[in-house]
Amino acid sequence: MVYVVVALWKAKEGQEETIARVIEKMTPPSRQEPGVLMYQAHRSLSDPRLFFLYEQYVDEAAYQSHMESSHARQYAWSEGIPNLESRERFFYEVLN
């Protein structure tokens, strides 16, 4: 089963470029993780503070491993999340 994570991040006022940089730093090492099938971030054209992250993992354990990785701790947890106004996550499975 492919484990899908969709995250919506809204930057605090004035922190949208900080969040963009965090995502830019997070993406390359995340894509190199063995359990990651897809890791793609998007930025809203109508609201530059809103970011949409679409991720696919081989299973939930791979996602948990990603969340505990050194780059997730350094970039997402330490630099990103403190600069967010809101954060929502949704979890899905791929239907064949």
C-alpha atoms as a PDB file:
ATOM      1  CA  MET A   1       0.000   0.000   0.000  1.00  0.00           C
ATOM      2  CA  VAL A   2       1.331   3.434  -0.936  1.00  0.00           C
ATOM      3  CA  TYR A   3       0.998   5.838   2.006  1.00  0.00           C
ATOM      4  CA  VAL A   4       0.117   9.383   0.925  1.00  0.00           C
ATOM      5  CA  VAL A   5       0.511  12.527   2.994  1.00  0.00           C
ATOM      6  CA  VAL A   6      -0.921  15.892   2.029  1.00  0.00           C
ATOM      7  CA  ALA A   7       0.134  18.847   4.139  1.00  0.00           C
ATOM      8  CA  LEU A   8      -1.078  22.428   4.026  1.00  0.00           C
ATOM      9  CA  TRP A   9       1.266  24.952   5.563  1.00  0.00           C
ATOM     10  CA  LYS A  10       0.337  28.595   5.996  1.00  0.00           C
ATOM     11  CA  ALA A  11       3.253  30.838   6.873  1.00  0.00           C
ATOM     12  CA  LYS A  12       2.965  33.494   9.516  1.00  0.00           C
ATOM     13  CA  GLU A  13       2.691  36.995   8.076  1.00  0.00           C
ATOM     14  CA  GLY A  14       6.132  37.984   6.780  1.00  0.00           C
ATOM     15  CA  GLN A  15       7.567  34.443   7.049  1.00  0.00           C
ATOM     16  CA  GLU A  16       6.566  33.136   3.623  1.00  0.00           C
ATOM     17  CA  GLU A  17      10.121  33.336   2.237  1.00  0.00           C
ATOM     18  CA  THR A  18      11.457  31.571   5.330  1.00  0.00           C
ATOM     19  CA  ILE A  19       9.041  28.714   4.682  1.00  0.00           C
ATOM     20  CA  ALA A  20       9.953  28.626   0.981  1.00  0.00           C
ATOM     21  CA  ARG A  21      13.649  28.315   1.926  1.00  0.00           C
ATOM     22  CA  VAL A  22      12.907  25.590   4.480  1.00  0.00           C
ATOM     23  CA  ILE A  23      11.045  23.590   1.849  1.00  0.00           C
ATOM     24  CA  GLU A  24      13.867  24.113  -0.664  1.00  0.00           C
ATOM     25  CA  LYS A  25      16.345  22.720   1.896  1.00  0.00           C
ATOM     26  CA  MET A  26      14.064  19.824   2.900  1.00  0.00           C
ATOM     27  CA  THR A  27      13.245  18.561  -0.572  1.00  0.00           C
ATOM     28  CA  PRO A  28      16.559  17.102  -1.863  1.00  0.00           C
ATOM     29  CA  PRO A  29      17.371  14.955   1.207  1.00  0.00           C
ATOM     30  CA  SER A  30      13.732  13.885   1.523  1.00  0.00           C
ATOM     31  CA  ARG A  31      13.714  12.650  -2.069  1.00  0.00           C
ATOM     32  CA  GLN A  32      16.829  10.587  -1.328  1.00  0.00           C
ATOM     33  CA  GLU A  33      15.213   8.616   1.500  1.00  0.00           C
ATOM     34  CA  PRO A  34      14.757   4.946   0.533  1.00  0.00           C
ATOM     35  CA  GLY A  35      11.043   4.852   1.415  1.00  0.00           C
ATOM     36  CA  VAL A  36      10.063   8.042  -0.395  1.00  0.00           C
ATOM     37  CA  LEU A  37       8.300   7.589  -3.718  1.00  0.00           C
ATOM     38  CA  MET A  38       7.390  11.245  -4.233  1.00  0.00           C
ATOM     39  CA  TYR A  39       8.036  14.467  -2.364  1.00  0.00           C
ATOM     40  CA  GLN A  40       6.701  17.570  -4.104  1.00  0.00           C
ATOM     41  CA  ALA A  41       5.973  21.009  -2.670  1.00  0.00           C
ATOM     42  CA  HIS A  42       3.763  23.658  -4.237  1.00  0.00           C
ATOM     43  CA  ARG A  43       3.105  27.318  -3.506  1.00  0.00           C
ATOM     44  CA  SER A  44      -0.250  28.983  -4.058  1.00  0.00           C
ATOM     45  CA  LEU A  45      -0.429  31.504  -6.880  1.00  0.00           C
ATOM     46  CA  SER A  46      -3.168  33.457  -5.107  1.00  0.00           C
ATOM     47  CA  ASP A  47      -1.721  33.365  -1.558  1.00  0.00           C
ATOM     48  CA  PRO A  48       2.101  33.301  -1.290  1.00  0.00           C
ATOM     49  CA  ARG A  49       1.814  32.294   2.365  1.00  0.00           C
ATOM     50  CA  LEU A  50       0.089  28.992   1.496  1.00  0.00           C
ATOM     51  CA  PHE A  51       2.101  25.853   0.675  1.00  0.00           C
ATOM     52  CA  PHE A  52       0.808  22.441  -0.410  1.00  0.00           C
ATOM     53  CA  LEU A  53       3.054  19.422   0.114  1.00  0.00           C
ATOM     54  CA  TYR A  54       2.272  16.115  -1.607  1.00  0.00           C
ATOM     55  CA  GLU A  55       4.225  13.088  -0.431  1.00  0.00           C
ATOM     56  CA  GLN A  56       4.136   9.368  -1.211  1.00  0.00           C
ATOM     57  CA  TYR A  57       5.859   6.693   0.854  1.00  0.00           C
ATOM     58  CA  VAL A  58       6.136   2.941   0.448  1.00  0.00           C
ATOM     59  CA  ASP A  59       4.306   2.554   3.770  1.00  0.00           C
ATOM     60  CA  GLU A  60       3.506   4.346   7.019  1.00  0.00           C
ATOM     61  CA  ALA A  61       6.812   3.236   8.564  1.00  0.00           C
ATOM     62  CA  ALA A  62       8.709   5.076   5.804  1.00  0.00           C
ATOM     63  CA  TYR A  63       6.728   8.216   6.620  1.00  0.00           C
ATOM     64  CA  GLN A  64       7.548   7.857  10.317  1.00  0.00           C
ATOM     65  CA  SER A  65      11.210   7.413   9.406  1.00  0.00           C
ATOM     66  CA  HIS A  66      11.027  10.594   7.331  1.00  0.00           C
ATOM     67  CA  MET A  67       9.503  12.513  10.247  1.00  0.00           C
ATOM     68  CA  GLU A  68      12.370  11.376  12.490  1.00  0.00           C
ATOM     69  CA  SER A  69      15.152  12.112   9.972  1.00  0.00           C
ATOM     70  CA  SER A  70      17.853  14.630  10.799  1.00  0.00           C
ATOM     71  CA  HIS A  71      16.786  16.933   7.959  1.00  0.00           C
ATOM     72  CA  ALA A  72      13.128  16.885   9.084  1.00  0.00           C
ATOM     73  CA  ARG A  73      14.173  17.722  12.639  1.00  0.00           C
ATOM     74  CA  GLN A  74      16.532  20.486  11.498  1.00  0.00           C
ATOM     75  CA  TYR A  75      14.424  22.111   8.802  1.00  0.00           C
ATOM     76  CA  ALA A  76      10.753  21.269   9.330  1.00  0.00           C
ATOM     77  CA  TRP A  77      10.596  21.010  13.112  1.00  0.00           C
ATOM     78  CA  SER A  78      13.182  23.683  14.056  1.00  0.00           C
ATOM     79  CA  GLU A  79      12.937  26.245  11.244  1.00  0.00           C
ATOM     80  CA  GLY A  80       9.616  25.634   9.513  1.00  0.00           C
ATOM     81  CA  ILE A  81       6.859  24.774  11.946  1.00  0.00           C
ATOM     82  CA  PRO A  82       7.638  27.606  14.409  1.00  0.00           C
ATOM     83  CA  ASN A  83       7.074  30.047  11.507  1.00  0.00           C
ATOM     84  CA  LEU A  84       3.680  28.651  10.515  1.00  0.00           C
ATOM     85  CA  GLU A  85       0.331  30.202  11.272  1.00  0.00           C
ATOM     86  CA  SER A  86      -1.347  26.860  10.612  1.00  0.00           C
ATOM     87  CA  ARG A  87      -0.505  23.308   9.603  1.00  0.00           C
ATOM     88  CA  GLU A  88      -2.862  20.568   8.504  1.00  0.00           C
ATOM     89  CA  ARG A  89      -2.034  17.012   7.475  1.00  0.00           C
ATOM     90  CA  PHE A  90      -4.199  14.466   5.705  1.00  0.00           C
ATOM     91  CA  PHE A  91      -3.367  10.791   5.173  1.00  0.00           C
ATOM     92  CA  TYR A  92      -4.492   8.633   2.252  1.00  0.00           C
ATOM     93  CA  GLU A  93      -3.857   5.344   0.515  1.00  0.00           C
ATOM     94  CA  VAL A  94      -3.637   4.955  -3.240  1.00  0.00           C
ATOM     95  CA  LEU A  95      -6.546   3.134  -4.819  1.00  0.00           C
ATOM     96  CA  ASN A  96      -5.800   0.929  -7.786  1.00  0.00           C
END
